[in-house]
């Protein structure tokens, strides 16, 4: 597990997501990638998959994202990244990862396959 944290994982949920990627046959994601939003602020992306010239990003969101201040910051973050021209990103709750990841991981795999075909 120490290697996982050295490779950029910042939470147990991101560690769990990494294992789910292997279990569902998805490529190994790049973690904690710094990007600039529309205001020039550096933001770290939890997980991203690079397929050709496209990038599919995933934010793994724990329960602290339900706090109103965090939730409002998440909205600003999402909008700032979209306005800066970054590819769309998906959001998944840690609750989903721990209790029923199948639907999300299957949809993620299908989206990655679409991007791969377009590359």
PDB file of N, CA and C in Angstrom:
ATOM      1  N   UNK A   1       0.832  -1.189   0.000  1.00  0.00           N
ATOM      2  CA  UNK A   1       0.000   0.000   0.000  1.00  0.00           C
ATOM      3  C   UNK A   1       0.877   1.255   0.000  1.00  0.00           C
ATOM      4  N   UNK A   2       2.066   1.178   0.557  1.00  0.00           N
ATOM      5  CA  UNK A   2       2.957   2.334   0.562  1.00  0.00           C
ATOM      6  C   UNK A   2       3.262   2.757  -0.871  1.00  0.00           C
ATOM      7  N   UNK A   3       3.483   1.801  -1.766  1.00  0.00           N
ATOM      8  CA  UNK A   3       3.746   2.111  -3.170  1.00  0.00           C
ATOM      9  C   UNK A   3       2.584   2.874  -3.778  1.00  0.00           C
ATOM     10  N   UNK A   4       1.367   2.487  -3.454  1.00  0.00           N
ATOM     11  CA  UNK A   4       0.185   3.171  -3.981  1.00  0.00           C
ATOM     12  C   UNK A   4       0.176   4.633  -3.569  1.00  0.00           C
ATOM     13  N   UNK A   5       0.487   4.913  -2.320  1.00  0.00           N
ATOM     14  CA  UNK A   5       0.499   6.299  -1.865  1.00  0.00           C
ATOM     15  C   UNK A   5       1.646   7.072  -2.507  1.00  0.00           C
ATOM     16  N   UNK A   6       2.761   6.401  -2.717  1.00  0.00           N
ATOM     17  CA  UNK A   6       3.880   7.046  -3.385  1.00  0.00           C
ATOM     18  C   UNK A   6       3.510   7.394  -4.825  1.00  0.00           C
ATOM     19  N   UNK A   7       2.626   6.609  -5.442  1.00  0.00           N
ATOM     20  CA  UNK A   7       2.196   6.848  -6.822  1.00  0.00           C
ATOM     21  C   UNK A   7       1.081   7.879  -6.928  1.00  0.00           C
ATOM     22  N   UNK A   8       0.725   8.552  -5.835  1.00  0.00           N
ATOM     23  CA  UNK A   8      -0.200   9.668  -5.919  1.00  0.00           C
ATOM     24  C   UNK A   8      -1.550   9.484  -5.255  1.00  0.00           C
ATOM     25  N   UNK A   9      -1.851   8.318  -4.747  1.00  0.00           N
ATOM     26  CA  UNK A   9      -3.133   8.128  -4.079  1.00  0.00           C
ATOM     27  C   UNK A   9      -3.128   8.925  -2.772  1.00  0.00           C
ATOM     28  N   UNK A  10      -4.214   9.664  -2.543  1.00  0.00           N
ATOM     29  CA  UNK A  10      -4.278  10.495  -1.345  1.00  0.00           C
ATOM     30  C   UNK A  10      -5.360  10.053  -0.369  1.00  0.00           C
ATOM     31  N   UNK A  11      -6.089   8.993  -0.703  1.00  0.00           N
ATOM     32  CA  UNK A  11      -7.118   8.516   0.215  1.00  0.00           C
ATOM     33  C   UNK A  11      -7.334   7.022   0.008  1.00  0.00           C
ATOM     34  N   UNK A  12      -7.928   6.402   1.007  1.00  0.00           N
ATOM     35  CA  UNK A  12      -8.238   4.980   0.906  1.00  0.00           C
ATOM     36  C   UNK A  12      -9.222   4.737  -0.239  1.00  0.00           C
ATOM     37  N   UNK A  13     -10.129   5.660  -0.467  1.00  0.00           N
ATOM     38  CA  UNK A  13     -11.105   5.508  -1.547  1.00  0.00           C
ATOM     39  C   UNK A  13     -10.416   5.481  -2.912  1.00  0.00           C
ATOM     40  N   UNK A  14      -9.397   6.302  -3.088  1.00  0.00           N
ATOM     41  CA  UNK A  14      -8.650   6.274  -4.345  1.00  0.00           C
ATOM     42  C   UNK A  14      -7.905   4.952  -4.479  1.00  0.00           C
ATOM     43  N   UNK A  15      -7.425   4.408  -3.376  1.00  0.00           N
ATOM     44  CA  UNK A  15      -6.780   3.097  -3.368  1.00  0.00           C
ATOM     45  C   UNK A  15      -7.796   2.032  -3.801  1.00  0.00           C
ATOM     46  N   UNK A  16      -8.988   2.086  -3.219  1.00  0.00           N
ATOM     47  CA  UNK A  16     -10.048   1.144  -3.595  1.00  0.00           C
ATOM     48  C   UNK A  16     -10.399   1.272  -5.074  1.00  0.00           C
ATOM     49  N   UNK A  17     -10.453   2.496  -5.582  1.00  0.00           N
ATOM     50  CA  UNK A  17     -10.768   2.727  -6.990  1.00  0.00           C
ATOM     51  C   UNK A  17      -9.704   2.085  -7.883  1.00  0.00           C
ATOM     52  N   UNK A  18      -8.451   2.186  -7.478  1.00  0.00           N
ATOM     53  CA  UNK A  18      -7.357   1.580  -8.237  1.00  0.00           C
ATOM     54  C   UNK A  18      -7.549   0.070  -8.349  1.00  0.00           C
ATOM     55  N   UNK A  19      -7.942  -0.563  -7.259  1.00  0.00           N
ATOM     56  CA  UNK A  19      -8.199  -2.003  -7.281  1.00  0.00           C
ATOM     57  C   UNK A  19      -9.396  -2.344  -8.166  1.00  0.00           C
ATOM     58  N   UNK A  20     -10.413  -1.493  -8.137  1.00  0.00           N
ATOM     59  CA  UNK A  20     -11.573  -1.726  -8.999  1.00  0.00           C
ATOM     60  C   UNK A  20     -11.184  -1.640 -10.473  1.00  0.00           C
ATOM     61  N   UNK A  21     -10.299  -0.732 -10.810  1.00  0.00           N
ATOM     62  CA  UNK A  21      -9.844  -0.626 -12.207  1.00  0.00           C
ATOM     63  C   UNK A  21      -9.221  -1.941 -12.650  1.00  0.00           C
ATOM     64  N   UNK A  22      -8.384  -2.522 -11.806  1.00  0.00           N
ATOM     65  CA  UNK A  22      -7.785  -3.813 -12.153  1.00  0.00           C
ATOM     66  C   UNK A  22      -8.846  -4.896 -12.263  1.00  0.00           C
ATOM     67  N   UNK A  23      -9.768  -4.923 -11.303  1.00  0.00           N
ATOM     68  CA  UNK A  23     -10.808  -5.953 -11.293  1.00  0.00           C
ATOM     69  C   UNK A  23     -11.700  -5.887 -12.533  1.00  0.00           C
ATOM     70  N   UNK A  24     -11.954  -4.676 -13.032  1.00  0.00           N
ATOM     71  CA  UNK A  24     -12.819  -4.500 -14.198  1.00  0.00           C
ATOM     72  C   UNK A  24     -12.032  -4.417 -15.509  1.00  0.00           C
ATOM     73  N   UNK A  25     -10.734  -4.690 -15.452  1.00  0.00           N
ATOM     74  CA  UNK A  25      -9.924  -4.727 -16.657  1.00  0.00           C
ATOM     75  C   UNK A  25      -9.681  -3.374 -17.305  1.00  0.00           C
ATOM     76  N   UNK A  26      -9.724  -2.322 -16.508  1.00  0.00           N
ATOM     77  CA  UNK A  26      -9.506  -0.975 -17.028  1.00  0.00           C
ATOM     78  C   UNK A  26      -8.023  -0.627 -16.937  1.00  0.00           C
ATOM     79  N   UNK A  27      -7.579   0.296 -17.775  1.00  0.00           N
ATOM     80  CA  UNK A  27      -6.162   0.678 -17.704  1.00  0.00           C
ATOM     81  C   UNK A  27      -5.821   1.326 -16.373  1.00  0.00           C
ATOM     82  N   UNK A  28      -4.546   1.291 -16.056  1.00  0.00           N
ATOM     83  CA  UNK A  28      -4.083   1.934 -14.816  1.00  0.00           C
ATOM     84  C   UNK A  28      -4.210   3.448 -14.985  1.00  0.00           C
ATOM     85  N   UNK A  29      -4.891   4.102 -14.068  1.00  0.00           N
ATOM     86  CA  UNK A  29      -5.067   5.556 -14.200  1.00  0.00           C
ATOM     87  C   UNK A  29      -3.836   6.330 -13.739  1.00  0.00           C
ATOM     88  N   UNK A  30      -3.755   7.549 -14.230  1.00  0.00           N
ATOM     89  CA  UNK A  30      -2.768   8.518 -13.742  1.00  0.00           C
ATOM     90  C   UNK A  30      -3.445   9.238 -12.583  1.00  0.00           C
ATOM     91  N   UNK A  31      -2.686   9.537 -11.532  1.00  0.00           N
ATOM     92  CA  UNK A  31      -3.302  10.098 -10.329  1.00  0.00           C
ATOM     93  C   UNK A  31      -2.771  11.487 -10.000  1.00  0.00           C
ATOM     94  N   UNK A  32      -3.642  12.280  -9.401  1.00  0.00           N
ATOM     95  CA  UNK A  32      -3.312  13.611  -8.864  1.00  0.00           C
ATOM     96  C   UNK A  32      -2.579  14.478  -9.889  1.00  0.00           C
ATOM     97  N   UNK A  33      -3.189  14.602 -11.059  1.00  0.00           N
ATOM     98  CA  UNK A  33      -2.617  15.415 -12.122  1.00  0.00           C
ATOM     99  C   UNK A  33      -2.954  16.886 -11.889  1.00  0.00           C
ATOM    100  N   UNK A  34      -1.954  17.762 -11.885  1.00  0.00           N
ATOM    101  CA  UNK A  34      -2.239  19.192 -11.722  1.00  0.00           C
ATOM    102  C   UNK A  34      -2.694  19.812 -13.049  1.00  0.00           C
ATOM    103  N   UNK A  35      -3.775  20.574 -12.996  1.00  0.00           N
ATOM    104  CA  UNK A  35      -4.279  21.302 -14.168  1.00  0.00           C
ATOM    105  C   UNK A  35      -4.687  22.703 -13.716  1.00  0.00           C
ATOM    106  N   UNK A  36      -4.722  23.640 -14.654  1.00  0.00           N
ATOM    107  CA  UNK A  36      -5.148  25.008 -14.341  1.00  0.00           C
ATOM    108  C   UNK A  36      -6.605  25.186 -14.733  1.00  0.00           C
ATOM    109  N   UNK A  37      -7.350  25.853 -13.855  1.00  0.00           N
ATOM    110  CA  UNK A  37      -8.740  26.159 -14.194  1.00  0.00           C
ATOM    111  C   UNK A  37      -8.789  27.505 -14.923  1.00  0.00           C
ATOM    112  N   UNK A  38      -9.983  28.005 -15.182  1.00  0.00           N
ATOM    113  CA  UNK A  38     -10.161  29.243 -15.958  1.00  0.00           C
ATOM    114  C   UNK A  38      -9.571  30.467 -15.262  1.00  0.00           C
ATOM    115  N   UNK A  39      -9.435  30.406 -13.942  1.00  0.00           N
ATOM    116  CA  UNK A  39      -8.848  31.524 -13.193  1.00  0.00           C
ATOM    117  C   UNK A  39      -7.337  31.386 -13.017  1.00  0.00           C
ATOM    118  N   UNK A  40      -6.783  30.313 -13.558  1.00  0.00           N
ATOM    119  CA  UNK A  40      -5.353  30.062 -13.422  1.00  0.00           C
ATOM    120  C   UNK A  40      -4.979  29.304 -12.164  1.00  0.00           C
ATOM    121  N   UNK A  41      -5.975  28.904 -11.378  1.00  0.00           N
ATOM    122  CA  UNK A  41      -5.718  28.172 -10.135  1.00  0.00           C
ATOM    123  C   UNK A  41      -5.358  26.723 -10.465  1.00  0.00           C
ATOM    124  N   UNK A  42      -4.339  26.211  -9.789  1.00  0.00           N
ATOM    125  CA  UNK A  42      -3.944  24.818  -9.978  1.00  0.00           C
ATOM    126  C   UNK A  42      -4.910  23.918  -9.216  1.00  0.00           C
ATOM    127  N   UNK A  43      -5.433  22.934  -9.929  1.00  0.00           N
ATOM    128  CA  UNK A  43      -6.334  21.939  -9.337  1.00  0.00           C
ATOM    129  C   UNK A  43      -5.737  20.559  -9.562  1.00  0.00           C
ATOM    130  N   UNK A  44      -5.873  19.671  -8.603  1.00  0.00           N
ATOM    131  CA  UNK A  44      -5.408  18.298  -8.770  1.00  0.00           C
ATOM    132  C   UNK A  44      -6.594  17.413  -9.108  1.00  0.00           C
ATOM    133  N   UNK A  45      -6.414  16.621 -10.130  1.00  0.00           N
ATOM    134  CA  UNK A  45      -7.457  15.672 -10.550  1.00  0.00           C
ATOM    135  C   UNK A  45      -7.137  14.331  -9.911  1.00  0.00           C
ATOM    136  N   UNK A  46      -8.122  13.728  -9.226  1.00  0.00           N
ATOM    137  CA  UNK A  46      -7.883  12.464  -8.527  1.00  0.00           C
ATOM    138  C   UNK A  46      -7.349  11.390  -9.469  1.00  0.00           C
ATOM    139  N   UNK A  47      -8.064  11.177 -10.574  1.00  0.00           N
ATOM    140  CA  UNK A  47      -7.749  10.078 -11.477  1.00  0.00           C
ATOM    141  C   UNK A  47      -7.989  10.539 -12.901  1.00  0.00           C
ATOM    142  N   UNK A  48      -7.107  10.140 -13.807  1.00  0.00           N
ATOM    143  CA  UNK A  48      -7.401  10.383 -15.212  1.00  0.00           C
ATOM    144  C   UNK A  48      -6.884   9.234 -16.059  1.00  0.00           C
ATOM    145  N   UNK A  49      -7.597   9.022 -17.150  1.00  0.00           N
ATOM    146  CA  UNK A  49      -7.232   8.018 -18.133  1.00  0.00           C
ATOM    147  C   UNK A  49      -6.917   8.768 -19.416  1.00  0.00           C
ATOM    148  N   UNK A  50      -5.764   8.519 -19.996  1.00  0.00           N
ATOM    149  CA  UNK A  50      -5.373   9.189 -21.240  1.00  0.00           C
ATOM    150  C   UNK A  50      -5.512   8.205 -22.388  1.00  0.00           C
ATOM    151  N   UNK A  51      -6.408   8.546 -23.306  1.00  0.00           N
ATOM    152  CA  UNK A  51      -6.686   7.705 -24.466  1.00  0.00           C
ATOM    153  C   UNK A  51      -6.453   8.559 -25.705  1.00  0.00           C
ATOM    154  N   UNK A  52      -5.382   8.296 -26.429  1.00  0.00           N
ATOM    155  CA  UNK A  52      -5.062   9.122 -27.590  1.00  0.00           C
ATOM    156  C   UNK A  52      -4.885  10.569 -27.152  1.00  0.00           C
ATOM    157  N   UNK A  53      -5.579  11.459 -27.825  1.00  0.00           N
ATOM    158  CA  UNK A  53      -5.490  12.880 -27.472  1.00  0.00           C
ATOM    159  C   UNK A  53      -6.545  13.287 -26.443  1.00  0.00           C
ATOM    160  N   UNK A  54      -7.367  12.361 -26.015  1.00  0.00           N
ATOM    161  CA  UNK A  54      -8.444  12.662 -25.062  1.00  0.00           C
ATOM    162  C   UNK A  54      -8.066  12.202 -23.665  1.00  0.00           C
ATOM    163  N   UNK A  55      -8.679  12.842 -22.707  1.00  0.00           N
ATOM    164  CA  UNK A  55      -8.480  12.490 -21.308  1.00  0.00           C
ATOM    165  C   UNK A  55      -9.836  12.375 -20.645  1.00  0.00           C
ATOM    166  N   UNK A  56     -10.054  11.283 -19.941  1.00  0.00           N
ATOM    167  CA  UNK A  56     -11.271  11.122 -19.143  1.00  0.00           C
ATOM    168  C   UNK A  56     -10.850  11.166 -17.686  1.00  0.00           C
ATOM    169  N   UNK A  57     -11.419  12.109 -16.965  1.00  0.00           N
ATOM    170  CA  UNK A  57     -11.058  12.313 -15.565  1.00  0.00           C
ATOM    171  C   UNK A  57     -12.164  11.814 -14.648  1.00  0.00           C
ATOM    172  N   UNK A  58     -11.748  11.389 -13.459  1.00  0.00           N
ATOM    173  CA  UNK A  58     -12.696  10.914 -12.451  1.00  0.00           C
ATOM    174  C   UNK A  58     -12.296  11.525 -11.116  1.00  0.00           C
ATOM    175  N   UNK A  59     -13.275  12.110 -10.447  1.00  0.00           N
ATOM    176  CA  UNK A  59     -13.085  12.598  -9.088  1.00  0.00           C
ATOM    177  C   UNK A  59     -13.750  11.607  -8.137  1.00  0.00           C
ATOM    178  N   UNK A  60     -12.981  11.129  -7.165  1.00  0.00           N
ATOM    179  CA  UNK A  60     -13.473  10.202  -6.148  1.00  0.00           C
ATOM    180  C   UNK A  60     -13.827  11.049  -4.936  1.00  0.00           C
ATOM    181  N   UNK A  61     -15.115  11.122  -4.635  1.00  0.00           N
ATOM    182  CA  UNK A  61     -15.582  12.075  -3.635  1.00  0.00           C
ATOM    183  C   UNK A  61     -16.103  11.407  -2.370  1.00  0.00           C
ATOM    184  N   UNK A  62     -15.432  11.717  -1.280  1.00  0.00           N
ATOM    185  CA  UNK A  62     -15.828  11.203   0.023  1.00  0.00           C
ATOM    186  C   UNK A  62     -16.967  12.013   0.619  1.00  0.00           C
ATOM    187  N   UNK A  63     -17.372  11.613   1.807  1.00  0.00           N
ATOM    188  CA  UNK A  63     -18.524  12.247   2.447  1.00  0.00           C
ATOM    189  C   UNK A  63     -18.287  13.721   2.762  1.00  0.00           C
ATOM    190  N   UNK A  64     -17.027  14.143   2.899  1.00  0.00           N
ATOM    191  CA  UNK A  64     -16.767  15.559   3.187  1.00  0.00           C
ATOM    192  C   UNK A  64     -17.220  16.456   2.033  1.00  0.00           C
ATOM    193  N   UNK A  65     -17.411  15.878   0.844  1.00  0.00           N
ATOM    194  CA  UNK A  65     -17.915  16.663  -0.291  1.00  0.00           C
ATOM    195  C   UNK A  65     -19.394  17.029  -0.118  1.00  0.00           C
ATOM    196  N   UNK A  66     -20.059  16.424   0.877  1.00  0.00           N
ATOM    197  CA  UNK A  66     -21.450  16.758   1.154  1.00  0.00           C
ATOM    198  C   UNK A  66     -21.572  18.003   2.035  1.00  0.00           C
ATOM    199  N   UNK A  67     -20.475  18.409   2.622  1.00  0.00           N
ATOM    200  CA  UNK A  67     -20.454  19.647   3.394  1.00  0.00           C
ATOM    201  C   UNK A  67     -20.760  20.799   2.442  1.00  0.00           C
ATOM    202  N   UNK A  68     -21.661  21.704   2.795  1.00  0.00           N
ATOM    203  CA  UNK A  68     -22.032  22.785   1.870  1.00  0.00           C
ATOM    204  C   UNK A  68     -20.850  23.581   1.317  1.00  0.00           C
ATOM    205  N   UNK A  69     -19.854  23.875   2.136  1.00  0.00           N
ATOM    206  CA  UNK A  69     -18.695  24.621   1.634  1.00  0.00           C
ATOM    207  C   UNK A  69     -17.927  23.811   0.591  1.00  0.00           C
ATOM    208  N   UNK A  70     -17.741  22.525   0.847  1.00  0.00           N
ATOM    209  CA  UNK A  70     -17.054  21.663  -0.116  1.00  0.00           C
ATOM    210  C   UNK A  70     -17.870  21.517  -1.389  1.00  0.00           C
ATOM    211  N   UNK A  71     -19.162  21.361  -1.228  1.00  0.00           N
ATOM    212  CA  UNK A  71     -20.051  21.192  -2.378  1.00  0.00           C
ATOM    213  C   UNK A  71     -19.997  22.429  -3.282  1.00  0.00           C
ATOM    214  N   UNK A  72     -20.041  23.611  -2.685  1.00  0.00           N
ATOM    215  CA  UNK A  72     -19.956  24.849  -3.466  1.00  0.00           C
ATOM    216  C   UNK A  72     -18.593  24.979  -4.146  1.00  0.00           C
ATOM    217  N   UNK A  73     -17.532  24.593  -3.441  1.00  0.00           N
ATOM    218  CA  UNK A  73     -16.202  24.606  -4.041  1.00  0.00           C
ATOM    219  C   UNK A  73     -16.122  23.625  -5.202  1.00  0.00           C
ATOM    220  N   UNK A  74     -16.762  22.460  -5.057  1.00  0.00           N
ATOM    221  CA  UNK A  74     -16.778  21.468  -6.138  1.00  0.00           C
ATOM    222  C   UNK A  74     -17.461  22.028  -7.388  1.00  0.00           C
ATOM    223  N   UNK A  75     -18.530  22.781  -7.201  1.00  0.00           N
ATOM    224  CA  UNK A  75     -19.223  23.395  -8.335  1.00  0.00           C
ATOM    225  C   UNK A  75     -18.300  24.398  -9.019  1.00  0.00           C
ATOM    226  N   UNK A  76     -17.657  25.265  -8.234  1.00  0.00           N
ATOM    227  CA  UNK A  76     -16.710  26.231  -8.804  1.00  0.00           C
ATOM    228  C   UNK A  76     -15.571  25.525  -9.528  1.00  0.00           C
ATOM    229  N   UNK A  77     -15.074  24.486  -8.943  1.00  0.00           N
ATOM    230  CA  UNK A  77     -13.981  23.704  -9.534  1.00  0.00           C
ATOM    231  C   UNK A  77     -14.399  23.126 -10.872  1.00  0.00           C
ATOM    232  N   UNK A  78     -15.551  22.478 -10.889  1.00  0.00           N
ATOM    233  CA  UNK A  78     -16.063  21.873 -12.116  1.00  0.00           C
ATOM    234  C   UNK A  78     -16.223  22.922 -13.213  1.00  0.00           C
ATOM    235  N   UNK A  79     -16.852  24.038 -12.873  1.00  0.00           N
ATOM    236  CA  UNK A  79     -17.068  25.102 -13.861  1.00  0.00           C
ATOM    237  C   UNK A  79     -15.746  25.701 -14.334  1.00  0.00           C
ATOM    238  N   UNK A  80     -14.810  25.918 -13.422  1.00  0.00           N
ATOM    239  CA  UNK A  80     -13.515  26.482 -13.785  1.00  0.00           C
ATOM    240  C   UNK A  80     -12.739  25.588 -14.737  1.00  0.00           C
ATOM    241  N   UNK A  81     -12.822  24.280 -14.521  1.00  0.00           N
ATOM    242  CA  UNK A  81     -12.138  23.343 -15.417  1.00  0.00           C
ATOM    243  C   UNK A  81     -12.833  23.284 -16.772  1.00  0.00           C
ATOM    244  N   UNK A  82     -14.160  23.298 -16.763  1.00  0.00           N
ATOM    245  CA  UNK A  82     -14.898  23.269 -18.033  1.00  0.00           C
ATOM    246  C   UNK A  82     -14.618  24.526 -18.856  1.00  0.00           C
ATOM    247  N   UNK A  83     -14.620  25.680 -18.206  1.00  0.00           N
ATOM    248  CA  UNK A  83     -14.376  26.930 -18.914  1.00  0.00           C
ATOM    249  C   UNK A  83     -12.940  27.051 -19.413  1.00  0.00           C
ATOM    250  N   UNK A  84     -12.018  26.338 -18.790  1.00  0.00           N
ATOM    251  CA  UNK A  84     -10.627  26.345 -19.235  1.00  0.00           C
ATOM    252  C   UNK A  84     -10.419  25.401 -20.418  1.00  0.00           C
ATOM    253  N   UNK A  85     -11.498  24.706 -20.809  1.00  0.00           N
ATOM    254  CA  UNK A  85     -11.413  23.831 -21.974  1.00  0.00           C
ATOM    255  C   UNK A  85     -10.963  22.418 -21.686  1.00  0.00           C
ATOM    256  N   UNK A  86     -10.950  22.027 -20.419  1.00  0.00           N
ATOM    257  CA  UNK A  86     -10.551  20.656 -20.091  1.00  0.00           C
ATOM    258  C   UNK A  86     -11.676  19.691 -20.436  1.00  0.00           C
ATOM    259  N   UNK A  87     -11.270  18.471 -20.777  1.00  0.00           N
ATOM    260  CA  UNK A  87     -12.256  17.435 -21.059  1.00  0.00           C
ATOM    261  C   UNK A  87     -13.150  17.232 -19.839  1.00  0.00           C
ATOM    262  N   UNK A  88     -14.319  16.707 -20.084  1.00  0.00           N
ATOM    263  CA  UNK A  88     -15.279  16.455 -19.010  1.00  0.00           C
ATOM    264  C   UNK A  88     -14.701  15.478 -17.985  1.00  0.00           C
ATOM    265  N   UNK A  89     -15.244  15.522 -16.806  1.00  0.00           N
ATOM    266  CA  UNK A  89     -14.853  14.515 -15.826  1.00  0.00           C
ATOM    267  C   UNK A  89     -16.084  13.945 -15.138  1.00  0.00           C
ATOM    268  N   UNK A  90     -15.914  12.721 -14.674  1.00  0.00           N
ATOM    269  CA  UNK A  90     -16.968  12.018 -13.960  1.00  0.00           C
ATOM    270  C   UNK A  90     -16.708  12.146 -12.470  1.00  0.00           C
ATOM    271  N   UNK A  91     -17.767  11.975 -11.707  1.00  0.00           N
ATOM    272  CA  UNK A  91     -17.658  12.008 -10.262  1.00  0.00           C
ATOM    273  C   UNK A  91     -18.263  10.721  -9.731  1.00  0.00           C
ATOM    274  N   UNK A  92     -17.586  10.142  -8.748  1.00  0.00           N
ATOM    275  CA  UNK A  92     -18.108   8.943  -8.110  1.00  0.00           C
ATOM    276  C   UNK A  92     -17.920   9.082  -6.604  1.00  0.00           C
ATOM    277  N   UNK A  93     -18.953   8.713  -5.880  1.00  0.00           N
ATOM    278  CA  UNK A  93     -18.924   8.798  -4.417  1.00  0.00           C
ATOM    279  C   UNK A  93     -18.226   7.568  -3.835  1.00  0.00           C
ATOM    280  N   UNK A  94     -17.529   7.783  -2.740  1.00  0.00           N
ATOM    281  CA  UNK A  94     -16.893   6.646  -2.076  1.00  0.00           C
ATOM    282  C   UNK A  94     -17.942   5.622  -1.641  1.00  0.00           C
ATOM    283  N   UNK A  95     -19.126   6.074  -1.318  1.00  0.00           N
ATOM    284  CA  UNK A  95     -20.214   5.155  -0.966  1.00  0.00           C
ATOM    285  C   UNK A  95     -20.468   4.179  -2.116  1.00  0.00           C
ATOM    286  N   UNK A  96     -20.481   4.683  -3.332  1.00  0.00           N
ATOM    287  CA  UNK A  96     -20.686   3.844  -4.514  1.00  0.00           C
ATOM    288  C   UNK A  96     -19.538   2.855  -4.679  1.00  0.00           C
ATOM    289  N   UNK A  97     -18.325   3.332  -4.507  1.00  0.00           N
ATOM    290  CA  UNK A  97     -17.149   2.471  -4.650  1.00  0.00           C
ATOM    291  C   UNK A  97     -17.189   1.319  -3.660  1.00  0.00           C
ATOM    292  N   UNK A  98     -17.665   1.593  -2.462  1.00  0.00           N
ATOM    293  CA  UNK A  98     -17.636   0.571  -1.415  1.00  0.00           C
ATOM    294  C   UNK A  98     -18.862  -0.335  -1.389  1.00  0.00           C
ATOM    295  N   UNK A  99     -19.989   0.161  -1.868  1.00  0.00           N
ATOM    296  CA  UNK A  99     -21.215  -0.636  -1.716  1.00  0.00           C
ATOM    297  C   UNK A  99     -21.775  -1.211  -3.011  1.00  0.00           C
ATOM    298  N   UNK A 100     -21.441  -0.657  -4.138  1.00  0.00           N
ATOM    299  CA  UNK A 100     -21.992  -1.161  -5.397  1.00  0.00           C
ATOM    300  C   UNK A 100     -21.336  -0.517  -6.601  1.00  0.00           C
ATOM    301  N   UNK A 101     -20.075  -0.829  -6.840  1.00  0.00           N
ATOM    302  CA  UNK A 101     -19.338  -0.144  -7.895  1.00  0.00           C
ATOM    303  C   UNK A 101     -19.631  -0.623  -9.311  1.00  0.00           C
ATOM    304  N   UNK A 102     -20.319  -1.741  -9.451  1.00  0.00           N
ATOM    305  CA  UNK A 102     -20.479  -2.378 -10.759  1.00  0.00           C
ATOM    306  C   UNK A 102     -21.007  -1.476 -11.856  1.00  0.00           C
ATOM    307  N   UNK A 103     -22.091  -0.776 -11.589  1.00  0.00           N
ATOM    308  CA  UNK A 103     -22.701   0.059 -12.628  1.00  0.00           C
ATOM    309  C   UNK A 103     -21.755   1.174 -13.063  1.00  0.00           C
ATOM    310  N   UNK A 104     -21.148   1.863 -12.099  1.00  0.00           N
ATOM    311  CA  UNK A 104     -20.236   2.948 -12.456  1.00  0.00           C
ATOM    312  C   UNK A 104     -19.028   2.422 -13.225  1.00  0.00           C
ATOM    313  N   UNK A 105     -18.424   1.342 -12.749  1.00  0.00           N
ATOM    314  CA  UNK A 105     -17.220   0.821 -13.397  1.00  0.00           C
ATOM    315  C   UNK A 105     -17.528   0.313 -14.806  1.00  0.00           C
ATOM    316  N   UNK A 106     -18.700  -0.271 -14.990  1.00  0.00           N
ATOM    317  CA  UNK A 106     -19.106  -0.729 -16.326  1.00  0.00           C
ATOM    318  C   UNK A 106     -19.287   0.458 -17.260  1.00  0.00           C
ATOM    319  N   UNK A 107     -19.953   1.511 -16.789  1.00  0.00           N
ATOM    320  CA  UNK A 107     -20.127   2.719 -17.606  1.00  0.00           C
ATOM    321  C   UNK A 107     -18.781   3.369 -17.914  1.00  0.00           C
ATOM    322  N   UNK A 108     -17.900   3.402 -16.945  1.00  0.00           N
ATOM    323  CA  UNK A 108     -16.562   3.954 -17.151  1.00  0.00           C
ATOM    324  C   UNK A 108     -15.826   3.151 -18.227  1.00  0.00           C
ATOM    325  N   UNK A 109     -15.901   1.842 -18.129  1.00  0.00           N
ATOM    326  CA  UNK A 109     -15.260   0.986 -19.131  1.00  0.00           C
ATOM    327  C   UNK A 109     -15.808   1.213 -20.525  1.00  0.00           C
ATOM    328  N   UNK A 110     -17.125   1.387 -20.641  1.00  0.00           N
ATOM    329  CA  UNK A 110     -17.738   1.658 -21.949  1.00  0.00           C
ATOM    330  C   UNK A 110     -17.270   2.999 -22.508  1.00  0.00           C
ATOM    331  N   UNK A 111     -17.179   4.005 -21.658  1.00  0.00           N
ATOM    332  CA  UNK A 111     -16.721   5.321 -22.112  1.00  0.00           C
ATOM    333  C   UNK A 111     -15.266   5.273 -22.559  1.00  0.00           C
ATOM    334  N   UNK A 112     -14.441   4.545 -21.828  1.00  0.00           N
ATOM    335  CA  UNK A 112     -13.037   4.409 -22.218  1.00  0.00           C
ATOM    336  C   UNK A 112     -12.916   3.676 -23.549  1.00  0.00           C
ATOM    337  N   UNK A 113     -13.776   2.686 -23.778  1.00  0.00           N
ATOM    338  CA  UNK A 113     -13.770   1.962 -25.054  1.00  0.00           C
ATOM    339  C   UNK A 113     -14.164   2.879 -26.205  1.00  0.00           C
ATOM    340  N   UNK A 114     -15.139   3.747 -25.979  1.00  0.00           N
ATOM    341  CA  UNK A 114     -15.564   4.720 -27.013  1.00  0.00           C
ATOM    342  C   UNK A 114     -14.412   5.648 -27.337  1.00  0.00           C
ATOM    343  N   UNK A 115     -13.735   6.153 -26.326  1.00  0.00           N
ATOM    344  CA  UNK A 115     -12.595   7.031 -26.563  1.00  0.00           C
ATOM    345  C   UNK A 115     -11.477   6.307 -27.297  1.00  0.00           C
ATOM    346  N   UNK A 116     -11.276   5.045 -26.946  1.00  0.00           N
ATOM    347  CA  UNK A 116     -10.226   4.259 -27.588  1.00  0.00           C
ATOM    348  C   UNK A 116     -10.534   4.046 -29.074  1.00  0.00           C
ATOM    349  N   UNK A 117     -11.807   3.810 -29.400  1.00  0.00           N
ATOM    350  CA  UNK A 117     -12.199   3.618 -30.803  1.00  0.00           C
ATOM    351  C   UNK A 117     -12.037   4.901 -31.602  1.00  0.00           C
ATOM    352  N   UNK A 118     -12.249   6.041 -30.947  1.00  0.00           N
ATOM    353  CA  UNK A 118     -12.157   7.328 -31.635  1.00  0.00           C
ATOM    354  C   UNK A 118     -10.701   7.774 -31.809  1.00  0.00           C
ATOM    355  N   UNK A 119      -9.796   7.172 -31.033  1.00  0.00           N
ATOM    356  CA  UNK A 119      -8.368   7.581 -31.067  1.00  0.00           C
ATOM    357  C   UNK A 119      -7.683   7.130 -32.349  1.00  0.00           C
TER     358      UNK A 119
END
